[in-house]
């Protein structure tokens, strides 16, 4: 079932690299598919053998690197996008297969519940939340990614992108999900731990483990 998914990760230089922990956590979920890595200029030592690594010639910064990585991998029915400092919990694959087996249309599933938006969660499991522009952390499963990257709001965000200032992958995607008026799912508990810091320097210690009691 997961063979229908492209696994895409963006990678940045870090004083204490996390990419090997992140990949290993996927392998521990019994996910053996190739992982496509798009890295900012740096020297990386990646221990996994089933990867395809492309290192940018110049630094693209957060949103531009996301855009490039997604556009290189839009051939599959489903694309999972994540960053190099995410740790996947062991039941992640089981939930992935369940979602795909349901054959329903959606803009995205986000496998992280950010404490900053937890107040919108009203029930256990998946919640369809279409709030628009919101700054949250995300690991997205996309169905038909072309609808996202061809949307006028996406094109405008790309056109007006300023490195170091308007990085928001997450906020942009949330807004497009709302405008497409397709289901945009958030869980009542995180399937992923965010173990380091954001690509624009925000500290995320609060995101290690989060769930909402209902």
C-alpha atoms as a PDB file:
ATOM      1  CA  UNK A   1       0.000   0.000   0.000  1.00  0.00           C
ATOM      2  CA  UNK A   2       2.756   2.510   0.865  1.00  0.00           C
ATOM      3  CA  UNK A   3       4.330   1.776  -2.532  1.00  0.00           C
ATOM      4  CA  UNK A   4       1.782   4.279  -3.885  1.00  0.00           C
ATOM      5  CA  UNK A   5       3.472   7.057  -1.888  1.00  0.00           C
ATOM      6  CA  UNK A   6       6.544   9.181  -2.654  1.00  0.00           C
ATOM      7  CA  UNK A   7       8.503  10.027   0.528  1.00  0.00           C
ATOM      8  CA  UNK A   8      10.107  13.474   0.210  1.00  0.00           C
ATOM      9  CA  UNK A   9      12.241  15.242   2.814  1.00  0.00           C
ATOM     10  CA  UNK A  10      14.020  18.584   2.866  1.00  0.00           C
ATOM     11  CA  UNK A  11      17.308  18.751   4.720  1.00  0.00           C
ATOM     12  CA  UNK A  12      19.268  21.663   6.176  1.00  0.00           C
ATOM     13  CA  UNK A  13      22.653  21.923   7.841  1.00  0.00           C
ATOM     14  CA  UNK A  14      22.477  21.452  11.626  1.00  0.00           C
ATOM     15  CA  UNK A  15      25.082  21.573  14.365  1.00  0.00           C
ATOM     16  CA  UNK A  16      23.657  18.262  15.591  1.00  0.00           C
ATOM     17  CA  UNK A  17      22.254  16.419  12.553  1.00  0.00           C
ATOM     18  CA  UNK A  18      18.941  14.606  12.960  1.00  0.00           C
ATOM     19  CA  UNK A  19      18.395  13.100   9.504  1.00  0.00           C
ATOM     20  CA  UNK A  20      19.648   9.614  10.386  1.00  0.00           C
ATOM     21  CA  UNK A  21      17.339   9.402  13.402  1.00  0.00           C
ATOM     22  CA  UNK A  22      14.456  10.550  11.249  1.00  0.00           C
ATOM     23  CA  UNK A  23      15.070   7.986   8.504  1.00  0.00           C
ATOM     24  CA  UNK A  24      15.631   5.209  11.017  1.00  0.00           C
ATOM     25  CA  UNK A  25      12.293   5.970  12.658  1.00  0.00           C
ATOM     26  CA  UNK A  26      10.603   5.454   9.270  1.00  0.00           C
ATOM     27  CA  UNK A  27      12.432   2.162   8.805  1.00  0.00           C
ATOM     28  CA  UNK A  28      11.348   1.098  12.285  1.00  0.00           C
ATOM     29  CA  UNK A  29       7.763   1.528  11.047  1.00  0.00           C
ATOM     30  CA  UNK A  30       8.524  -1.087   8.355  1.00  0.00           C
ATOM     31  CA  UNK A  31       8.557   1.543   5.624  1.00  0.00           C
ATOM     32  CA  UNK A  32      11.284   0.475   3.193  1.00  0.00           C
ATOM     33  CA  UNK A  33      10.522   2.698   0.209  1.00  0.00           C
ATOM     34  CA  UNK A  34      13.109   5.042  -1.308  1.00  0.00           C
ATOM     35  CA  UNK A  35      13.354   8.402   0.455  1.00  0.00           C
ATOM     36  CA  UNK A  36      14.013  11.412  -1.776  1.00  0.00           C
ATOM     37  CA  UNK A  37      16.134  14.012   0.011  1.00  0.00           C
ATOM     38  CA  UNK A  38      16.636  17.614  -1.107  1.00  0.00           C
ATOM     39  CA  UNK A  39      19.417  19.220   0.886  1.00  0.00           C
ATOM     40  CA  UNK A  40      20.797  22.691   1.317  1.00  0.00           C
ATOM     41  CA  UNK A  41      24.547  23.005   0.543  1.00  0.00           C
ATOM     42  CA  UNK A  42      26.512  21.119   3.211  1.00  0.00           C
ATOM     43  CA  UNK A  43      28.416  17.872   3.751  1.00  0.00           C
ATOM     44  CA  UNK A  44      26.071  15.135   4.945  1.00  0.00           C
ATOM     45  CA  UNK A  45      26.710  11.611   6.167  1.00  0.00           C
ATOM     46  CA  UNK A  46      23.534   9.620   5.682  1.00  0.00           C
ATOM     47  CA  UNK A  47      23.622   6.010   6.793  1.00  0.00           C
ATOM     48  CA  UNK A  48      20.602   4.632   4.932  1.00  0.00           C
ATOM     49  CA  UNK A  49      21.216   2.943   1.562  1.00  0.00           C
ATOM     50  CA  UNK A  50      17.768   3.378   0.030  1.00  0.00           C
ATOM     51  CA  UNK A  51      17.800   7.126  -0.525  1.00  0.00           C
ATOM     52  CA  UNK A  52      18.234   9.533  -3.410  1.00  0.00           C
ATOM     53  CA  UNK A  53      20.098  12.627  -2.265  1.00  0.00           C
ATOM     54  CA  UNK A  54      20.242  15.862  -4.228  1.00  0.00           C
ATOM     55  CA  UNK A  55      22.284  18.726  -2.771  1.00  0.00           C
ATOM     56  CA  UNK A  56      21.368  22.215  -3.957  1.00  0.00           C
ATOM     57  CA  UNK A  57      24.127  24.183  -5.659  1.00  0.00           C
ATOM     58  CA  UNK A  58      22.971  27.320  -3.839  1.00  0.00           C
ATOM     59  CA  UNK A  59      20.789  27.704  -0.782  1.00  0.00           C
ATOM     60  CA  UNK A  60      17.124  27.755  -1.713  1.00  0.00           C
ATOM     61  CA  UNK A  61      15.714  28.427   1.755  1.00  0.00           C
ATOM     62  CA  UNK A  62      12.655  26.821   3.222  1.00  0.00           C
ATOM     63  CA  UNK A  63       9.738  27.460   0.874  1.00  0.00           C
ATOM     64  CA  UNK A  64      11.754  27.343  -2.353  1.00  0.00           C
ATOM     65  CA  UNK A  65      13.311  24.038  -1.328  1.00  0.00           C
ATOM     66  CA  UNK A  66       9.850  22.666  -0.539  1.00  0.00           C
ATOM     67  CA  UNK A  67       8.608  23.845  -3.931  1.00  0.00           C
ATOM     68  CA  UNK A  68      11.525  22.265  -5.776  1.00  0.00           C
ATOM     69  CA  UNK A  69      11.296  18.963  -3.908  1.00  0.00           C
ATOM     70  CA  UNK A  70       7.562  18.599  -4.476  1.00  0.00           C
ATOM     71  CA  UNK A  71       7.734  19.444  -8.173  1.00  0.00           C
ATOM     72  CA  UNK A  72      10.384  16.738  -8.673  1.00  0.00           C
ATOM     73  CA  UNK A  73       8.073  14.108  -7.161  1.00  0.00           C
ATOM     74  CA  UNK A  74       4.557  14.842  -8.314  1.00  0.00           C
ATOM     75  CA  UNK A  75       4.300  11.693 -10.429  1.00  0.00           C
ATOM     76  CA  UNK A  76       2.877   9.498  -7.636  1.00  0.00           C
ATOM     77  CA  UNK A  77      -0.730   9.460  -6.508  1.00  0.00           C
ATOM     78  CA  UNK A  78       0.352  10.383  -2.976  1.00  0.00           C
ATOM     79  CA  UNK A  79       3.291  12.417  -1.681  1.00  0.00           C
ATOM     80  CA  UNK A  80       4.459  12.642   1.916  1.00  0.00           C
ATOM     81  CA  UNK A  81       6.520  15.700   2.729  1.00  0.00           C
ATOM     82  CA  UNK A  82       8.492  16.055   5.952  1.00  0.00           C
ATOM     83  CA  UNK A  83      11.607  17.720   7.345  1.00  0.00           C
ATOM     84  CA  UNK A  84      14.786  16.128   8.623  1.00  0.00           C
ATOM     85  CA  UNK A  85      14.059  16.584  12.342  1.00  0.00           C
ATOM     86  CA  UNK A  86      10.877  14.495  12.564  1.00  0.00           C
ATOM     87  CA  UNK A  87      10.654  11.167  14.400  1.00  0.00           C
ATOM     88  CA  UNK A  88       7.878   8.847  13.261  1.00  0.00           C
ATOM     89  CA  UNK A  89       5.970   6.812  15.810  1.00  0.00           C
ATOM     90  CA  UNK A  90       5.647   3.078  15.271  1.00  0.00           C
ATOM     91  CA  UNK A  91       1.952   3.135  14.338  1.00  0.00           C
ATOM     92  CA  UNK A  92       2.536   5.666  11.533  1.00  0.00           C
ATOM     93  CA  UNK A  93       2.529   3.094   8.702  1.00  0.00           C
ATOM     94  CA  UNK A  94      -0.661   1.457   9.949  1.00  0.00           C
ATOM     95  CA  UNK A  95      -2.454   4.811   9.851  1.00  0.00           C
ATOM     96  CA  UNK A  96      -1.055   5.603   6.396  1.00  0.00           C
ATOM     97  CA  UNK A  97      -2.380   2.360   4.959  1.00  0.00           C
ATOM     98  CA  UNK A  98      -5.761   2.922   6.564  1.00  0.00           C
ATOM     99  CA  UNK A  99      -6.052   6.391   4.998  1.00  0.00           C
ATOM    100  CA  UNK A 100      -5.111   5.201   1.519  1.00  0.00           C
ATOM    101  CA  UNK A 101      -7.443   2.208   1.674  1.00  0.00           C
ATOM    102  CA  UNK A 102     -10.437   4.535   2.208  1.00  0.00           C
ATOM    103  CA  UNK A 103     -10.104   6.005  -1.325  1.00  0.00           C
ATOM    104  CA  UNK A 104     -11.436   9.424  -0.347  1.00  0.00           C
ATOM    105  CA  UNK A 105     -10.434  12.804  -1.685  1.00  0.00           C
ATOM    106  CA  UNK A 106      -8.614  15.343   0.483  1.00  0.00           C
ATOM    107  CA  UNK A 107      -6.221  18.275   0.289  1.00  0.00           C
ATOM    108  CA  UNK A 108      -3.893  16.840   2.929  1.00  0.00           C
ATOM    109  CA  UNK A 109      -3.445  14.965   6.175  1.00  0.00           C
ATOM    110  CA  UNK A 110      -1.133  16.611   8.686  1.00  0.00           C
ATOM    111  CA  UNK A 111       0.356  14.039  11.077  1.00  0.00           C
ATOM    112  CA  UNK A 112       1.457  16.572  13.705  1.00  0.00           C
ATOM    113  CA  UNK A 113      -0.848  18.153  16.269  1.00  0.00           C
ATOM    114  CA  UNK A 114       0.711  21.496  17.130  1.00  0.00           C
ATOM    115  CA  UNK A 115      -0.161  22.782  20.604  1.00  0.00           C
ATOM    116  CA  UNK A 116      -0.855  26.210  19.066  1.00  0.00           C
ATOM    117  CA  UNK A 117      -3.913  24.942  17.165  1.00  0.00           C
ATOM    118  CA  UNK A 118      -5.064  22.190  19.521  1.00  0.00           C
ATOM    119  CA  UNK A 119      -8.124  24.192  20.566  1.00  0.00           C
ATOM    120  CA  UNK A 120      -9.765  23.463  17.179  1.00  0.00           C
ATOM    121  CA  UNK A 121      -9.756  19.694  17.812  1.00  0.00           C
ATOM    122  CA  UNK A 122     -13.210  18.511  18.854  1.00  0.00           C
ATOM    123  CA  UNK A 123     -13.076  14.712  18.634  1.00  0.00           C
ATOM    124  CA  UNK A 124     -10.736  11.740  18.822  1.00  0.00           C
ATOM    125  CA  UNK A 125      -8.996  10.725  15.618  1.00  0.00           C
ATOM    126  CA  UNK A 126      -8.966  12.921  12.517  1.00  0.00           C
ATOM    127  CA  UNK A 127     -10.623  16.345  12.436  1.00  0.00           C
ATOM    128  CA  UNK A 128     -11.423  18.228   9.223  1.00  0.00           C
ATOM    129  CA  UNK A 129     -10.063  21.734   9.940  1.00  0.00           C
ATOM    130  CA  UNK A 130     -10.192  24.448   7.276  1.00  0.00           C
ATOM    131  CA  UNK A 131      -9.063  27.572   9.141  1.00  0.00           C
ATOM    132  CA  UNK A 132      -6.899  29.031   6.404  1.00  0.00           C
ATOM    133  CA  UNK A 133      -3.608  30.801   7.083  1.00  0.00           C
ATOM    134  CA  UNK A 134      -2.089  29.331  10.258  1.00  0.00           C
ATOM    135  CA  UNK A 135       1.524  28.979  11.361  1.00  0.00           C
ATOM    136  CA  UNK A 136       1.914  25.363  12.510  1.00  0.00           C
ATOM    137  CA  UNK A 137       4.333  22.468  12.108  1.00  0.00           C
ATOM    138  CA  UNK A 138       3.422  19.882   9.573  1.00  0.00           C
ATOM    139  CA  UNK A 139       4.128  16.525   7.976  1.00  0.00           C
ATOM    140  CA  UNK A 140       1.804  16.400   4.998  1.00  0.00           C
ATOM    141  CA  UNK A 141       0.285  13.545   3.061  1.00  0.00           C
ATOM    142  CA  UNK A 142      -0.950  15.058  -0.201  1.00  0.00           C
ATOM    143  CA  UNK A 143      -3.459  13.535  -2.583  1.00  0.00           C
ATOM    144  CA  UNK A 144      -3.019  15.028  -6.066  1.00  0.00           C
ATOM    145  CA  UNK A 145      -0.318  17.561  -5.217  1.00  0.00           C
ATOM    146  CA  UNK A 146      -0.873  19.299  -8.575  1.00  0.00           C
ATOM    147  CA  UNK A 147      -3.961  21.018  -7.123  1.00  0.00           C
ATOM    148  CA  UNK A 148      -1.780  22.612  -4.457  1.00  0.00           C
ATOM    149  CA  UNK A 149       1.160  23.777  -6.537  1.00  0.00           C
ATOM    150  CA  UNK A 150      -1.028  25.029  -9.403  1.00  0.00           C
ATOM    151  CA  UNK A 151      -3.280  27.079  -7.131  1.00  0.00           C
ATOM    152  CA  UNK A 152      -3.116  30.891  -7.609  1.00  0.00           C
ATOM    153  CA  UNK A 153      -2.396  31.464  -3.907  1.00  0.00           C
ATOM    154  CA  UNK A 154       0.601  29.135  -4.118  1.00  0.00           C
ATOM    155  CA  UNK A 155       1.891  30.866  -7.244  1.00  0.00           C
ATOM    156  CA  UNK A 156       1.580  34.256  -5.568  1.00  0.00           C
ATOM    157  CA  UNK A 157       3.357  33.073  -2.414  1.00  0.00           C
ATOM    158  CA  UNK A 158       6.173  31.726  -4.564  1.00  0.00           C
ATOM    159  CA  UNK A 159       6.378  34.942  -6.581  1.00  0.00           C
ATOM    160  CA  UNK A 160       6.560  37.186  -3.494  1.00  0.00           C
ATOM    161  CA  UNK A 161       8.838  34.875  -1.524  1.00  0.00           C
ATOM    162  CA  UNK A 162      11.625  36.602   0.415  1.00  0.00           C
ATOM    163  CA  UNK A 163      14.277  34.298   1.952  1.00  0.00           C
ATOM    164  CA  UNK A 164      14.516  34.475   5.769  1.00  0.00           C
ATOM    165  CA  UNK A 165      11.216  36.377   5.993  1.00  0.00           C
ATOM    166  CA  UNK A 166       8.113  34.683   4.565  1.00  0.00           C
ATOM    167  CA  UNK A 167       9.113  31.036   4.804  1.00  0.00           C
ATOM    168  CA  UNK A 168       5.679  29.684   5.709  1.00  0.00           C
ATOM    169  CA  UNK A 169       5.156  26.366   3.975  1.00  0.00           C
ATOM    170  CA  UNK A 170       2.601  25.407   6.590  1.00  0.00           C
ATOM    171  CA  UNK A 171       0.603  28.642   6.496  1.00  0.00           C
ATOM    172  CA  UNK A 172       0.493  28.690   2.697  1.00  0.00           C
ATOM    173  CA  UNK A 173      -0.702  25.086   2.462  1.00  0.00           C
ATOM    174  CA  UNK A 174      -3.404  25.629   5.082  1.00  0.00           C
ATOM    175  CA  UNK A 175      -4.769  28.593   3.151  1.00  0.00           C
ATOM    176  CA  UNK A 176      -4.867  26.648  -0.114  1.00  0.00           C
ATOM    177  CA  UNK A 177      -6.655  23.752   1.588  1.00  0.00           C
ATOM    178  CA  UNK A 178      -9.342  26.167   2.728  1.00  0.00           C
ATOM    179  CA  UNK A 179      -9.712  27.738  -0.708  1.00  0.00           C
ATOM    180  CA  UNK A 180      -9.939  24.350  -2.434  1.00  0.00           C
ATOM    181  CA  UNK A 181     -12.658  23.454   0.044  1.00  0.00           C
ATOM    182  CA  UNK A 182     -11.372  19.926   0.379  1.00  0.00           C
ATOM    183  CA  UNK A 183     -10.919  18.051   3.685  1.00  0.00           C
ATOM    184  CA  UNK A 184      -7.822  19.176   5.607  1.00  0.00           C
ATOM    185  CA  UNK A 185      -7.174  16.709   8.405  1.00  0.00           C
ATOM    186  CA  UNK A 186      -5.526  17.243  11.782  1.00  0.00           C
ATOM    187  CA  UNK A 187      -5.170  14.433  14.338  1.00  0.00           C
ATOM    188  CA  UNK A 188      -6.138  14.517  18.004  1.00  0.00           C
ATOM    189  CA  UNK A 189      -2.607  13.320  18.792  1.00  0.00           C
ATOM    190  CA  UNK A 190       0.700  13.509  16.934  1.00  0.00           C
ATOM    191  CA  UNK A 191       2.054  10.625  14.884  1.00  0.00           C
ATOM    192  CA  UNK A 192       5.405  12.409  14.793  1.00  0.00           C
ATOM    193  CA  UNK A 193       7.742  14.066  17.282  1.00  0.00           C
ATOM    194  CA  UNK A 194       9.565  17.249  16.250  1.00  0.00           C
ATOM    195  CA  UNK A 195      12.950  16.869  17.935  1.00  0.00           C
ATOM    196  CA  UNK A 196      15.027  19.919  17.079  1.00  0.00           C
ATOM    197  CA  UNK A 197      14.095  23.339  15.779  1.00  0.00           C
ATOM    198  CA  UNK A 198      12.371  24.924  12.837  1.00  0.00           C
ATOM    199  CA  UNK A 199      14.125  25.832   9.617  1.00  0.00           C
ATOM    200  CA  UNK A 200      13.730  29.507  10.550  1.00  0.00           C
ATOM    201  CA  UNK A 201      15.116  29.119  14.065  1.00  0.00           C
ATOM    202  CA  UNK A 202      12.070  28.666  16.272  1.00  0.00           C
ATOM    203  CA  UNK A 203      12.657  26.407  19.268  1.00  0.00           C
ATOM    204  CA  UNK A 204      10.138  23.565  19.432  1.00  0.00           C
ATOM    205  CA  UNK A 205      10.694  21.821  22.732  1.00  0.00           C
ATOM    206  CA  UNK A 206       6.939  21.898  23.400  1.00  0.00           C
ATOM    207  CA  UNK A 207       6.309  19.805  20.303  1.00  0.00           C
ATOM    208  CA  UNK A 208       8.172  16.716  21.461  1.00  0.00           C
ATOM    209  CA  UNK A 209       4.948  14.951  22.399  1.00  0.00           C
ATOM    210  CA  UNK A 210       1.493  16.442  22.179  1.00  0.00           C
ATOM    211  CA  UNK A 211      -2.027  15.109  22.298  1.00  0.00           C
ATOM    212  CA  UNK A 212      -5.367  16.538  23.254  1.00  0.00           C
ATOM    213  CA  UNK A 213      -7.458  14.805  25.871  1.00  0.00           C
ATOM    214  CA  UNK A 214     -11.131  14.741  24.888  1.00  0.00           C
END
